[in-house]
C-alpha atoms as a PDB file:
ATOM      1  CA  MET A   1      89.614  77.101  87.793  1.00  0.00           C
ATOM      2  CA  PRO A   2      90.661  79.636  90.487  1.00  0.00           C
ATOM      3  CA  LYS A   3      87.791  81.394  92.229  1.00  0.00           C
ATOM      4  CA  VAL A   4      87.778  85.055  93.246  1.00  0.00           C
ATOM      5  CA  LEU A   5      85.410  86.653  95.736  1.00  0.00           C
ATOM      6  CA  VAL A   6      84.464  90.322  95.329  1.00  0.00           C
ATOM      7  CA  SER A   7      83.129  91.152  98.783  1.00  0.00           C
ATOM      8  CA  ASP A   8      82.604  94.911  98.479  1.00  0.00           C
ATOM      9  CA  LYS A   9      80.702  96.996  95.965  1.00  0.00           C
ATOM     10  CA  LEU A  10      83.014  97.833  93.051  1.00  0.00           C
ATOM     11  CA  SER A  11      82.720  99.491  89.681  1.00  0.00           C
ATOM     12  CA  PRO A  12      81.200  97.089  87.109  1.00  0.00           C
ATOM     13  CA  LEU A  13      84.441  97.448  85.172  1.00  0.00           C
ATOM     14  CA  ALA A  14      86.072  95.065  87.666  1.00  0.00           C
ATOM     15  CA  LEU A  15      83.863  92.220  86.462  1.00  0.00           C
ATOM     16  CA  LYS A  16      84.658  93.165  82.864  1.00  0.00           C
ATOM     17  CA  VAL A  17      88.293  92.472  83.725  1.00  0.00           C
ATOM     18  CA  PHE A  18      87.506  88.959  84.927  1.00  0.00           C
ATOM     19  CA  GLU A  19      85.590  88.303  81.719  1.00  0.00           C
ATOM     20  CA  ARG A  20      88.938  88.573  79.919  1.00  0.00           C
ATOM     21  CA  TYR A  21      90.223  85.644  81.998  1.00  0.00           C
ATOM     22  CA  PRO A  22      87.991  82.660  81.119  1.00  0.00           C
ATOM     23  CA  THR A  23      89.841  80.411  83.569  1.00  0.00           C
ATOM     24  CA  VAL A  24      88.913  82.618  86.535  1.00  0.00           C
ATOM     25  CA  GLN A  25      85.503  82.460  88.229  1.00  0.00           C
ATOM     26  CA  ALA A  26      84.497  85.692  89.985  1.00  0.00           C
ATOM     27  CA  ASP A  27      81.651  85.763  92.511  1.00  0.00           C
ATOM     28  CA  VAL A  28      80.171  88.974  93.897  1.00  0.00           C
ATOM     29  CA  LYS A  29      78.859  88.693  97.458  1.00  0.00           C
ATOM     30  CA  THR A  30      78.819  92.019  99.269  1.00  0.00           C
ATOM     31  CA  GLY A  31      77.841  93.080 102.771  1.00  0.00           C
ATOM     32  CA  LEU A  32      78.799  89.776 104.397  1.00  0.00           C
ATOM     33  CA  PRO A  33      79.181  89.791 108.199  1.00  0.00           C
ATOM     34  CA  GLU A  34      82.353  88.178 109.503  1.00  0.00           C
ATOM     35  CA  ASP A  35      80.718  84.822 110.302  1.00  0.00           C
ATOM     36  CA  GLU A  36      79.274  84.527 106.806  1.00  0.00           C
ATOM     37  CA  LEU A  37      82.594  85.452 105.232  1.00  0.00           C
ATOM     38  CA  VAL A  38      84.338  82.832 107.379  1.00  0.00           C
ATOM     39  CA  LYS A  39      81.938  80.158 106.090  1.00  0.00           C
ATOM     40  CA  ILE A  40      82.676  80.741 102.399  1.00  0.00           C
ATOM     41  CA  ILE A  41      86.199  82.180 102.189  1.00  0.00           C
ATOM     42  CA  GLY A  42      87.738  78.700 102.109  1.00  0.00           C
ATOM     43  CA  GLU A  43      86.497  78.270  98.527  1.00  0.00           C
ATOM     44  CA  TYR A  44      88.487  81.183  97.126  1.00  0.00           C
ATOM     45  CA  GLU A  45      92.040  81.790  95.905  1.00  0.00           C
ATOM     46  CA  GLY A  46      91.538  85.539  95.463  1.00  0.00           C
ATOM     47  CA  LEU A  47      89.696  88.293  97.352  1.00  0.00           C
ATOM     48  CA  VAL A  48      88.944  91.815  96.097  1.00  0.00           C
ATOM     49  CA  ILE A  49      87.831  94.379  98.675  1.00  0.00           C
ATOM     50  CA  ARG A  50      87.371  98.063  99.351  1.00  0.00           C
ATOM     51  CA  SER A  51      87.145  99.403 102.909  1.00  0.00           C
ATOM     52  CA  ALA A  52      83.953  97.713 104.151  1.00  0.00           C
ATOM     53  CA  THR A  53      85.250  94.142 104.370  1.00  0.00           C
ATOM     54  CA  LYS A  54      87.337  93.489 107.486  1.00  0.00           C
ATOM     55  CA  VAL A  55      89.887  90.746 106.829  1.00  0.00           C
ATOM     56  CA  THR A  56      90.500  89.568 110.367  1.00  0.00           C
ATOM     57  CA  PRO A  57      92.662  86.724 111.714  1.00  0.00           C
ATOM     58  CA  LYS A  58      89.467  84.674 112.054  1.00  0.00           C
ATOM     59  CA  VAL A  59      88.700  85.153 108.358  1.00  0.00           C
ATOM     60  CA  LEU A  60      92.258  84.358 107.314  1.00  0.00           C
ATOM     61  CA  ALA A  61      92.374  81.215 109.448  1.00  0.00           C
ATOM     62  CA  SER A  62      89.506  79.832 107.367  1.00  0.00           C
ATOM     63  CA  ALA A  63      90.965  80.986 104.034  1.00  0.00           C
ATOM     64  CA  LYS A  64      92.848  77.754 103.325  1.00  0.00           C
ATOM     65  CA  LYS A  65      93.140  78.366  99.567  1.00  0.00           C
ATOM     66  CA  LEU A  66      93.523  82.136  99.599  1.00  0.00           C
ATOM     67  CA  LYS A  67      96.633  83.456  97.846  1.00  0.00           C
ATOM     68  CA  ILE A  68      95.996  87.168  97.298  1.00  0.00           C
ATOM     69  CA  ILE A  69      93.887  90.029  98.648  1.00  0.00           C
ATOM     70  CA  ALA A  70      93.618  93.141  96.478  1.00  0.00           C
ATOM     71  CA  ARG A  71      92.392  96.397  97.982  1.00  0.00           C
ATOM     72  CA  ALA A  72      90.707  98.676  95.438  1.00  0.00           C
ATOM     73  CA  GLY A  73      92.234 101.826  96.913  1.00  0.00           C
ATOM     74  CA  SER A  74      95.322 102.730  98.892  1.00  0.00           C
ATOM     75  CA  GLY A  75      94.446 102.289 102.577  1.00  0.00           C
ATOM     76  CA  VAL A  76      94.696  98.734 103.871  1.00  0.00           C
ATOM     77  CA  ASP A  77      94.059  99.184 107.596  1.00  0.00           C
ATOM     78  CA  ASN A  78      91.047  96.850 107.268  1.00  0.00           C
ATOM     79  CA  VAL A  79      93.382  93.902 106.616  1.00  0.00           C
ATOM     80  CA  ASP A  80      95.337  92.145 109.377  1.00  0.00           C
ATOM     81  CA  PHE A  81      98.796  92.114 107.793  1.00  0.00           C
ATOM     82  CA  ALA A  82     100.420  89.789 110.307  1.00  0.00           C
ATOM     83  CA  ALA A  83      97.721  87.161 109.888  1.00  0.00           C
ATOM     84  CA  ALA A  84      97.774  87.488 106.095  1.00  0.00           C
ATOM     85  CA  SER A  85     101.540  87.039 105.950  1.00  0.00           C
ATOM     86  CA  ALA A  86     101.485  84.115 108.381  1.00  0.00           C
ATOM     87  CA  ASN A  87      98.874  82.402 106.216  1.00  0.00           C
ATOM     88  CA  GLY A  88     100.835  82.923 103.004  1.00  0.00           C
ATOM     89  CA  VAL A  89      98.487  85.569 101.571  1.00  0.00           C
ATOM     90  CA  TYR A  90      99.777  88.549  99.615  1.00  0.00           C
ATOM     91  CA  VAL A  91      98.080  91.923 100.200  1.00  0.00           C
ATOM     92  CA  THR A  92      98.123  94.449  97.367  1.00  0.00           C
ATOM     93  CA  ASN A  93      96.661  97.906  96.877  1.00  0.00           C
ATOM     94  CA  THR A  94      96.096 100.369  94.030  1.00  0.00           C
ATOM     95  CA  PRO A  95      97.677 103.632  95.187  1.00  0.00           C
ATOM     96  CA  GLY A  96      97.729 105.458  91.863  1.00  0.00           C
ATOM     97  CA  GLY A  97      94.116 105.113  90.823  1.00  0.00           C
ATOM     98  CA  ASN A  98      92.528 107.621  93.170  1.00  0.00           C
ATOM     99  CA  THR A  99      95.274 110.154  93.849  1.00  0.00           C
ATOM    100  CA  VAL A 100      93.832 112.904  91.636  1.00  0.00           C
ATOM    101  CA  SER A 101      90.345 112.553  93.114  1.00  0.00           C
ATOM    102  CA  THR A 102      91.683 112.518  96.673  1.00  0.00           C
ATOM    103  CA  GLY A 103      93.960 115.482  96.064  1.00  0.00           C
ATOM    104  CA  GLU A 104      91.191 117.497  94.454  1.00  0.00           C
ATOM    105  CA  HIS A 105      88.912 116.776  97.412  1.00  0.00           C
ATOM    106  CA  ALA A 106      91.468 118.242  99.820  1.00  0.00           C
ATOM    107  CA  ILE A 107      91.519 121.443  97.772  1.00  0.00           C
ATOM    108  CA  ALA A 108      87.706 121.465  97.633  1.00  0.00           C
ATOM    109  CA  LEU A 109      87.539 121.104 101.422  1.00  0.00           C
ATOM    110  CA  MET A 110      90.062 123.903 101.875  1.00  0.00           C
ATOM    111  CA  MET A 111      88.080 126.275  99.664  1.00  0.00           C
ATOM    112  CA  ALA A 112      84.731 125.343 101.217  1.00  0.00           C
ATOM    113  CA  LEU A 113      86.180 125.897 104.685  1.00  0.00           C
ATOM    114  CA  THR A 114      87.738 129.223 103.717  1.00  0.00           C
ATOM    115  CA  ARG A 115      84.602 130.650 102.096  1.00  0.00           C
ATOM    116  CA  ASN A 116      81.970 129.141 104.431  1.00  0.00           C
ATOM    117  CA  ILE A 117      80.244 127.428 101.526  1.00  0.00           C
ATOM    118  CA  PRO A 118      78.415 124.709 103.530  1.00  0.00           C
ATOM    119  CA  GLN A 119      77.200 127.246 106.095  1.00  0.00           C
ATOM    120  CA  GLY A 120      76.123 129.652 103.359  1.00  0.00           C
ATOM    121  CA  THR A 121      74.165 126.937 101.596  1.00  0.00           C
ATOM    122  CA  ALA A 122      72.468 125.748 104.786  1.00  0.00           C
ATOM    123  CA  THR A 123      71.436 129.198 106.012  1.00  0.00           C
ATOM    124  CA  LEU A 124      70.230 130.332 102.603  1.00  0.00           C
ATOM    125  CA  LYS A 125      68.078 127.209 102.237  1.00  0.00           C
ATOM    126  CA  ALA A 126      66.697 127.965 105.700  1.00  0.00           C
ATOM    127  CA  GLY A 127      65.501 131.358 104.439  1.00  0.00           C
ATOM    128  CA  GLN A 128      68.308 133.394 106.028  1.00  0.00           C
ATOM    129  CA  TRP A 129      70.654 135.917 104.436  1.00  0.00           C
ATOM    130  CA  GLU A 130      73.858 135.660 106.498  1.00  0.00           C
ATOM    131  CA  LYS A 131      76.136 137.645 104.185  1.00  0.00           C
ATOM    132  CA  ASN A 132      77.841 139.639 106.927  1.00  0.00           C
ATOM    133  CA  LYS A 133      78.343 136.700 109.290  1.00  0.00           C
ATOM    134  CA  LEU A 134      79.935 134.438 106.708  1.00  0.00           C
ATOM    135  CA  GLN A 135      82.830 136.560 105.535  1.00  0.00           C
ATOM    136  CA  GLY A 136      85.722 134.382 104.374  1.00  0.00           C
ATOM    137  CA  ARG A 137      89.284 135.055 103.299  1.00  0.00           C
ATOM    138  CA  GLU A 138      91.558 134.498 100.331  1.00  0.00           C
ATOM    139  CA  VAL A 139      93.983 131.604  99.998  1.00  0.00           C
ATOM    140  CA  PHE A 140      96.189 133.706  97.708  1.00  0.00           C
ATOM    141  CA  GLY A 141      99.572 134.251  99.326  1.00  0.00           C
ATOM    142  CA  LYS A 142      98.792 132.021 102.305  1.00  0.00           C
ATOM    143  CA  THR A 143     101.064 129.186 103.451  1.00  0.00           C
ATOM    144  CA  LEU A 144      99.835 125.626 103.099  1.00  0.00           C
ATOM    145  CA  GLY A 145     101.593 122.990 105.191  1.00  0.00           C
ATOM    146  CA  VAL A 146     101.428 119.514 103.669  1.00  0.00           C
ATOM    147  CA  ILE A 147     102.128 116.690 106.114  1.00  0.00           C
ATOM    148  CA  GLY A 148     103.061 113.711 103.949  1.00  0.00           C
ATOM    149  CA  LEU A 149     104.320 114.509 100.439  1.00  0.00           C
ATOM    150  CA  GLY A 150     103.416 111.180  98.854  1.00  0.00           C
ATOM    151  CA  ASN A 151     101.230 110.610  95.806  1.00  0.00           C
ATOM    152  CA  VAL A 152      98.253 112.567  97.132  1.00  0.00           C
ATOM    153  CA  GLY A 153     100.319 115.192  98.934  1.00  0.00           C
ATOM    154  CA  LYS A 154     102.101 116.034  95.681  1.00  0.00           C
ATOM    155  CA  ILE A 155      98.777 116.517  93.893  1.00  0.00           C
ATOM    156  CA  VAL A 156      97.583 118.851  96.655  1.00  0.00           C
ATOM    157  CA  ALA A 157     100.852 120.807  96.612  1.00  0.00           C
ATOM    158  CA  ASP A 158     100.704 121.214  92.839  1.00  0.00           C
ATOM    159  CA  ARG A 159      97.117 122.498  92.913  1.00  0.00           C
ATOM    160  CA  ALA A 160      97.878 124.851  95.798  1.00  0.00           C
ATOM    161  CA  LEU A 161     100.838 126.308  93.914  1.00  0.00           C
ATOM    162  CA  GLY A 162      98.414 126.965  91.052  1.00  0.00           C
ATOM    163  CA  LEU A 163      96.336 128.991  93.511  1.00  0.00           C
ATOM    164  CA  LYS A 164      99.472 131.053  94.236  1.00  0.00           C
ATOM    165  CA  MET A 165      99.894 129.696  97.746  1.00  0.00           C
ATOM    166  CA  LYS A 166     103.264 129.082  99.362  1.00  0.00           C
ATOM    167  CA  VAL A 167     103.688 125.365 100.095  1.00  0.00           C
ATOM    168  CA  VAL A 168     105.855 123.890 102.832  1.00  0.00           C
ATOM    169  CA  ALA A 169     105.950 120.173 103.554  1.00  0.00           C
ATOM    170  CA  PHE A 170     107.094 117.633 106.093  1.00  0.00           C
ATOM    171  CA  ASP A 171     107.971 114.141 104.913  1.00  0.00           C
ATOM    172  CA  LYS A 172     110.540 111.701 106.283  1.00  0.00           C
ATOM    173  CA  ILE A 173     111.488 110.409 102.840  1.00  0.00           C
ATOM    174  CA  VAL A 174     111.299 113.345 100.410  1.00  0.00           C
ATOM    175  CA  THR A 175     114.561 115.300 100.272  1.00  0.00           C
ATOM    176  CA  ALA A 176     114.948 119.068 100.124  1.00  0.00           C
ATOM    177  CA  ASP A 177     116.130 118.829  96.528  1.00  0.00           C
ATOM    178  CA  GLN A 178     113.147 116.689  95.519  1.00  0.00           C
ATOM    179  CA  GLY A 179     110.807 119.158  97.171  1.00  0.00           C
ATOM    180  CA  ARG A 180     112.500 122.074  95.454  1.00  0.00           C
ATOM    181  CA  LYS A 181     111.854 120.503  92.058  1.00  0.00           C
ATOM    182  CA  LEU A 182     108.167 120.416  92.953  1.00  0.00           C
ATOM    183  CA  GLY A 183     108.191 124.038  94.081  1.00  0.00           C
ATOM    184  CA  VAL A 184     107.820 122.958  97.703  1.00  0.00           C
ATOM    185  CA  GLU A 185     109.978 123.897 100.700  1.00  0.00           C
ATOM    186  CA  MET A 186     110.751 120.850 102.832  1.00  0.00           C
ATOM    187  CA  THR A 187     110.956 121.598 106.546  1.00  0.00           C
ATOM    188  CA  THR A 188     110.553 120.114 110.014  1.00  0.00           C
ATOM    189  CA  LEU A 189     107.178 119.295 111.494  1.00  0.00           C
ATOM    190  CA  ASP A 190     107.492 121.941 114.202  1.00  0.00           C
ATOM    191  CA  ASP A 191     108.425 124.620 111.663  1.00  0.00           C
ATOM    192  CA  LEU A 192     105.488 123.651 109.454  1.00  0.00           C
ATOM    193  CA  LEU A 193     103.089 123.830 112.388  1.00  0.00           C
ATOM    194  CA  SER A 194     104.258 127.290 113.417  1.00  0.00           C
ATOM    195  CA  ARG A 195     104.202 128.837 109.922  1.00  0.00           C
ATOM    196  CA  SER A 196     101.188 127.362 108.180  1.00  0.00           C
ATOM    197  CA  ASP A 197      97.890 129.172 107.627  1.00  0.00           C
ATOM    198  CA  TYR A 198      96.444 125.866 106.430  1.00  0.00           C
ATOM    199  CA  ILE A 199      97.541 122.334 107.282  1.00  0.00           C
ATOM    200  CA  THR A 200      96.525 119.296 105.256  1.00  0.00           C
ATOM    201  CA  ILE A 201      97.369 115.718 106.232  1.00  0.00           C
ATOM    202  CA  HIS A 202      98.260 112.924 103.808  1.00  0.00           C
ATOM    203  CA  LEU A 203      99.719 110.052 105.826  1.00  0.00           C
ATOM    204  CA  ASN A 204      99.115 106.331 105.910  1.00  0.00           C
ATOM    205  CA  LYS A 205      97.546 104.967 109.092  1.00  0.00           C
ATOM    206  CA  ASN A 206      99.911 102.827 111.159  1.00  0.00           C
ATOM    207  CA  ALA A 207     101.258 102.581 114.698  1.00  0.00           C
ATOM    208  CA  GLU A 208     103.659 105.467 114.086  1.00  0.00           C
ATOM    209  CA  THR A 209     100.997 107.858 112.788  1.00  0.00           C
ATOM    210  CA  ALA A 210      98.217 107.113 115.300  1.00  0.00           C
ATOM    211  CA  ASN A 211      97.315 110.441 116.972  1.00  0.00           C
ATOM    212  CA  PHE A 212     100.133 112.032 114.984  1.00  0.00           C
ATOM    213  CA  LEU A 213      98.617 115.444 115.650  1.00  0.00           C
ATOM    214  CA  GLY A 214      97.784 115.696 119.324  1.00  0.00           C
ATOM    215  CA  LYS A 215      97.693 118.315 122.051  1.00  0.00           C
ATOM    216  CA  ALA A 216     101.438 118.977 121.866  1.00  0.00           C
ATOM    217  CA  GLN A 217     101.296 119.611 118.121  1.00  0.00           C
ATOM    218  CA  PHE A 218      98.229 121.867 118.329  1.00  0.00           C
ATOM    219  CA  SER A 219     100.035 123.997 120.897  1.00  0.00           C
ATOM    220  CA  LYS A 220     102.712 124.747 118.287  1.00  0.00           C
ATOM    221  CA  MET A 221     100.335 125.843 115.537  1.00  0.00           C
ATOM    222  CA  LYS A 222      99.816 129.408 114.397  1.00  0.00           C
ATOM    223  CA  LYS A 223      96.632 130.713 116.015  1.00  0.00           C
ATOM    224  CA  GLY A 224      93.779 130.735 113.524  1.00  0.00           C
ATOM    225  CA  VAL A 225      95.086 127.902 111.364  1.00  0.00           C
ATOM    226  CA  PHE A 226      92.699 125.856 109.237  1.00  0.00           C
ATOM    227  CA  LEU A 227      93.079 122.053 109.319  1.00  0.00           C
ATOM    228  CA  ILE A 228      92.110 119.569 106.593  1.00  0.00           C
ATOM    229  CA  ASN A 229      92.210 115.806 107.162  1.00  0.00           C
ATOM    230  CA  GLU A 230      91.126 113.312 104.516  1.00  0.00           C
ATOM    231  CA  SER A 231      93.850 110.718 105.063  1.00  0.00           C
ATOM    232  CA  ARG A 232      92.666 108.332 107.785  1.00  0.00           C
ATOM    233  CA  GLY A 233      90.714 108.698 110.993  1.00  0.00           C
ATOM    234  CA  GLY A 234      92.813 108.426 114.126  1.00  0.00           C
ATOM    235  CA  ILE A 235      95.797 110.307 112.724  1.00  0.00           C
ATOM    236  CA  VAL A 236      94.394 113.422 114.383  1.00  0.00           C
ATOM    237  CA  ASP A 237      93.587 113.139 118.083  1.00  0.00           C
ATOM    238  CA  GLU A 238      89.919 114.140 117.985  1.00  0.00           C
ATOM    239  CA  GLU A 239      89.786 115.254 121.641  1.00  0.00           C
ATOM    240  CA  ALA A 240      92.789 117.513 121.111  1.00  0.00           C
ATOM    241  CA  LEU A 241      91.245 118.887 117.916  1.00  0.00           C
ATOM    242  CA  TYR A 242      87.994 119.646 119.698  1.00  0.00           C
ATOM    243  CA  GLU A 243      89.866 121.597 122.362  1.00  0.00           C
ATOM    244  CA  ALA A 244      91.865 123.494 119.725  1.00  0.00           C
ATOM    245  CA  LEU A 245      88.691 124.396 117.833  1.00  0.00           C
ATOM    246  CA  THR A 246      86.844 125.598 120.922  1.00  0.00           C
ATOM    247  CA  THR A 247      89.758 127.680 122.215  1.00  0.00           C
ATOM    248  CA  GLY A 248      90.480 129.388 118.887  1.00  0.00           C
ATOM    249  CA  VAL A 249      93.855 127.806 118.180  1.00  0.00           C
ATOM    250  CA  VAL A 250      92.288 126.191 115.103  1.00  0.00           C
ATOM    251  CA  ALA A 251      89.875 128.524 113.319  1.00  0.00           C
ATOM    252  CA  GLY A 252      88.190 125.729 111.420  1.00  0.00           C
ATOM    253  CA  ALA A 253      88.528 122.125 110.367  1.00  0.00           C
ATOM    254  CA  ALA A 254      87.423 120.180 107.312  1.00  0.00           C
ATOM    255  CA  LEU A 255      87.196 116.453 107.972  1.00  0.00           C
ATOM    256  CA  ASP A 256      86.581 113.594 105.564  1.00  0.00           C
ATOM    257  CA  VAL A 257      87.601 110.823 107.979  1.00  0.00           C
ATOM    258  CA  PHE A 258      86.981 109.884 111.596  1.00  0.00           C
ATOM    259  CA  ALA A 259      88.448 107.457 114.105  1.00  0.00           C
ATOM    260  CA  THR A 260      85.134 105.561 114.030  1.00  0.00           C
ATOM    261  CA  GLU A 261      83.132 105.526 110.829  1.00  0.00           C
ATOM    262  CA  PRO A 262      80.362 106.424 110.619  1.00  0.00           C
ATOM    263  CA  PRO A 263      81.003 108.805 113.523  1.00  0.00           C
ATOM    264  CA  GLY A 264      77.438 109.018 114.782  1.00  0.00           C
ATOM    265  CA  GLU A 265      76.585 111.920 117.095  1.00  0.00           C
ATOM    266  CA  HIS A 266      80.170 113.164 117.230  1.00  0.00           C
ATOM    267  CA  LYS A 267      80.769 116.363 119.163  1.00  0.00           C
ATOM    268  CA  LEU A 268      83.067 117.701 116.448  1.00  0.00           C
ATOM    269  CA  LEU A 269      80.110 117.706 114.069  1.00  0.00           C
ATOM    270  CA  LYS A 270      78.203 120.004 116.416  1.00  0.00           C
ATOM    271  CA  LEU A 271      80.784 122.789 116.079  1.00  0.00           C
ATOM    272  CA  ALA A 272      79.972 125.639 113.695  1.00  0.00           C
ATOM    273  CA  ASN A 273      83.606 125.843 112.573  1.00  0.00           C
ATOM    274  CA  VAL A 274      83.738 122.226 111.399  1.00  0.00           C
ATOM    275  CA  ILE A 275      82.666 121.043 107.970  1.00  0.00           C
ATOM    276  CA  ALA A 276      82.697 117.388 107.041  1.00  0.00           C
ATOM    277  CA  THR A 277      82.096 114.812 104.339  1.00  0.00           C
ATOM    278  CA  PRO A 278      81.528 111.034 104.734  1.00  0.00           C
ATOM    279  CA  HIS A 279      84.910 109.713 103.522  1.00  0.00           C
ATOM    280  CA  LEU A 280      84.450 111.030  99.977  1.00  0.00           C
ATOM    281  CA  GLY A 281      88.113 111.626  99.128  1.00  0.00           C
ATOM    282  CA  ALA A 282      88.283 108.911  96.489  1.00  0.00           C
ATOM    283  CA  SER A 283      84.566 108.856  95.698  1.00  0.00           C
ATOM    284  CA  THR A 284      84.528 109.897  92.067  1.00  0.00           C
ATOM    285  CA  GLN A 285      83.466 107.718  89.179  1.00  0.00           C
ATOM    286  CA  GLU A 286      86.903 108.015  87.612  1.00  0.00           C
ATOM    287  CA  ALA A 287      88.721 106.963  90.775  1.00  0.00           C
ATOM    288  CA  GLN A 288      86.424 104.031  91.488  1.00  0.00           C
ATOM    289  CA  ASP A 289      86.755 102.772  87.921  1.00  0.00           C
ATOM    290  CA  ASN A 290      90.541 103.058  88.106  1.00  0.00           C
ATOM    291  CA  VAL A 291      91.028 101.242  91.396  1.00  0.00           C
ATOM    292  CA  ALA A 292      88.475  98.525  90.614  1.00  0.00           C
ATOM    293  CA  VAL A 293      90.143  97.668  87.320  1.00  0.00           C
ATOM    294  CA  ALA A 294      93.611  97.737  88.880  1.00  0.00           C
ATOM    295  CA  ALA A 295      92.607  95.464  91.779  1.00  0.00           C
ATOM    296  CA  ALA A 296      90.873  92.962  89.511  1.00  0.00           C
ATOM    297  CA  GLU A 297      93.877  92.856  87.180  1.00  0.00           C
ATOM    298  CA  GLN A 298      96.264  92.302  90.079  1.00  0.00           C
ATOM    299  CA  VAL A 299      94.303  89.291  91.305  1.00  0.00           C
ATOM    300  CA  ALA A 300      93.714  87.768  87.878  1.00  0.00           C
ATOM    301  CA  ASP A 301      97.304  88.271  86.716  1.00  0.00           C
ATOM    302  CA  TYR A 302      98.687  86.648  89.847  1.00  0.00           C
ATOM    303  CA  LEU A 303      96.350  83.664  89.825  1.00  0.00           C
ATOM    304  CA  VAL A 304      96.719  83.026  86.084  1.00  0.00           C
ATOM    305  CA  LYS A 305     100.239  84.185  85.261  1.00  0.00           C
ATOM    306  CA  GLY A 306     101.993  84.416  88.617  1.00  0.00           C
ATOM    307  CA  ASP A 307     102.593  88.147  88.085  1.00  0.00           C
ATOM    308  CA  LEU A 308     102.635  89.921  91.449  1.00  0.00           C
ATOM    309  CA  ARG A 309     102.308  93.729  91.658  1.00  0.00           C
ATOM    310  CA  ASN A 310     102.083  96.151  94.581  1.00  0.00           C
ATOM    311  CA  ALA A 311     102.408  93.440  97.210  1.00  0.00           C
ATOM    312  CA  LEU A 312     102.759  95.352 100.469  1.00  0.00           C
ATOM    313  CA  ASN A 313     103.828  92.323 102.509  1.00  0.00           C
ATOM    314  CA  ALA A 314     105.934  90.488  99.912  1.00  0.00           C
ATOM    315  CA  LYS A 315     108.931  90.176 102.260  1.00  0.00           C
ATOM    316  CA  ASP A 316     106.859  88.805 105.117  1.00  0.00           C
ATOM    317  CA  VAL A 317     104.686  86.196 103.425  1.00  0.00           C
ATOM    318  CA  LYS A 318     105.422  82.722 104.694  1.00  0.00           C
ATOM    319  CA  PRO A 319     104.736  79.740 102.383  1.00  0.00           C
ATOM    320  CA  ARG A 320     101.825  77.585 103.487  1.00  0.00           C
END
């Protein structure tokens, strides 16, 4: 009987999936520090995680039976891919389950930033009436620059078009014709930076995208631009963003992610023109149900039937 460890808090629907596979034993043990995970991981053929569990080379070296790791969500920067592949472990994700929730959150951040909703709520609850100080602006007719027109970027573009915004996008894979069919103008990164009233980022975190927006890119932006980042922390150079916000190049920023999470007493959070949420992009009940079920099914189907889906390192896995 193959054993599966669920090491992060997931929707209860994930366990319902395993109940459909009587030959699979699923154990839930969340919040384990690395040393504790190392002690028990050798018992398991499957591992289901979210973002809290860090699957390090040390963990993988002890995972002698492990065959598959499923991430309930899209980002997998908490898994050491090289070590997983070297140890014969497939790494999968569930990119489609939370795209609507994540895309909607980007739009919510954009609107909250534009209309000073967090500041209005805070000052009103403090007994102040700051109507004149908190004047916003319309998004109607403004240009939204989407960096990364993948699953989430397409959702954001579609919703922005519904708000009657003009959408331009930069993506290394999406062609001009594909963008045109979506109602989006594909362009270069520099052109997007110079034309956009709003910029929203939807990139995966990797070596190529680390500090993707830095001082050089901020210098090319239209003065007064609004920036939204809910992709991954570290894609935006936070020091460069701070400088851009304090010099007026960027009028405001809405952040859902940080290079270090939780960010603690981060100086960006002390700026009046920054609003933020604690990595809530995919935090809806619908999204968490979707990704939990998908991850559980991926693990169970592989261990029981040999069916492998969404394996991100399939070409690199070396047999044990």
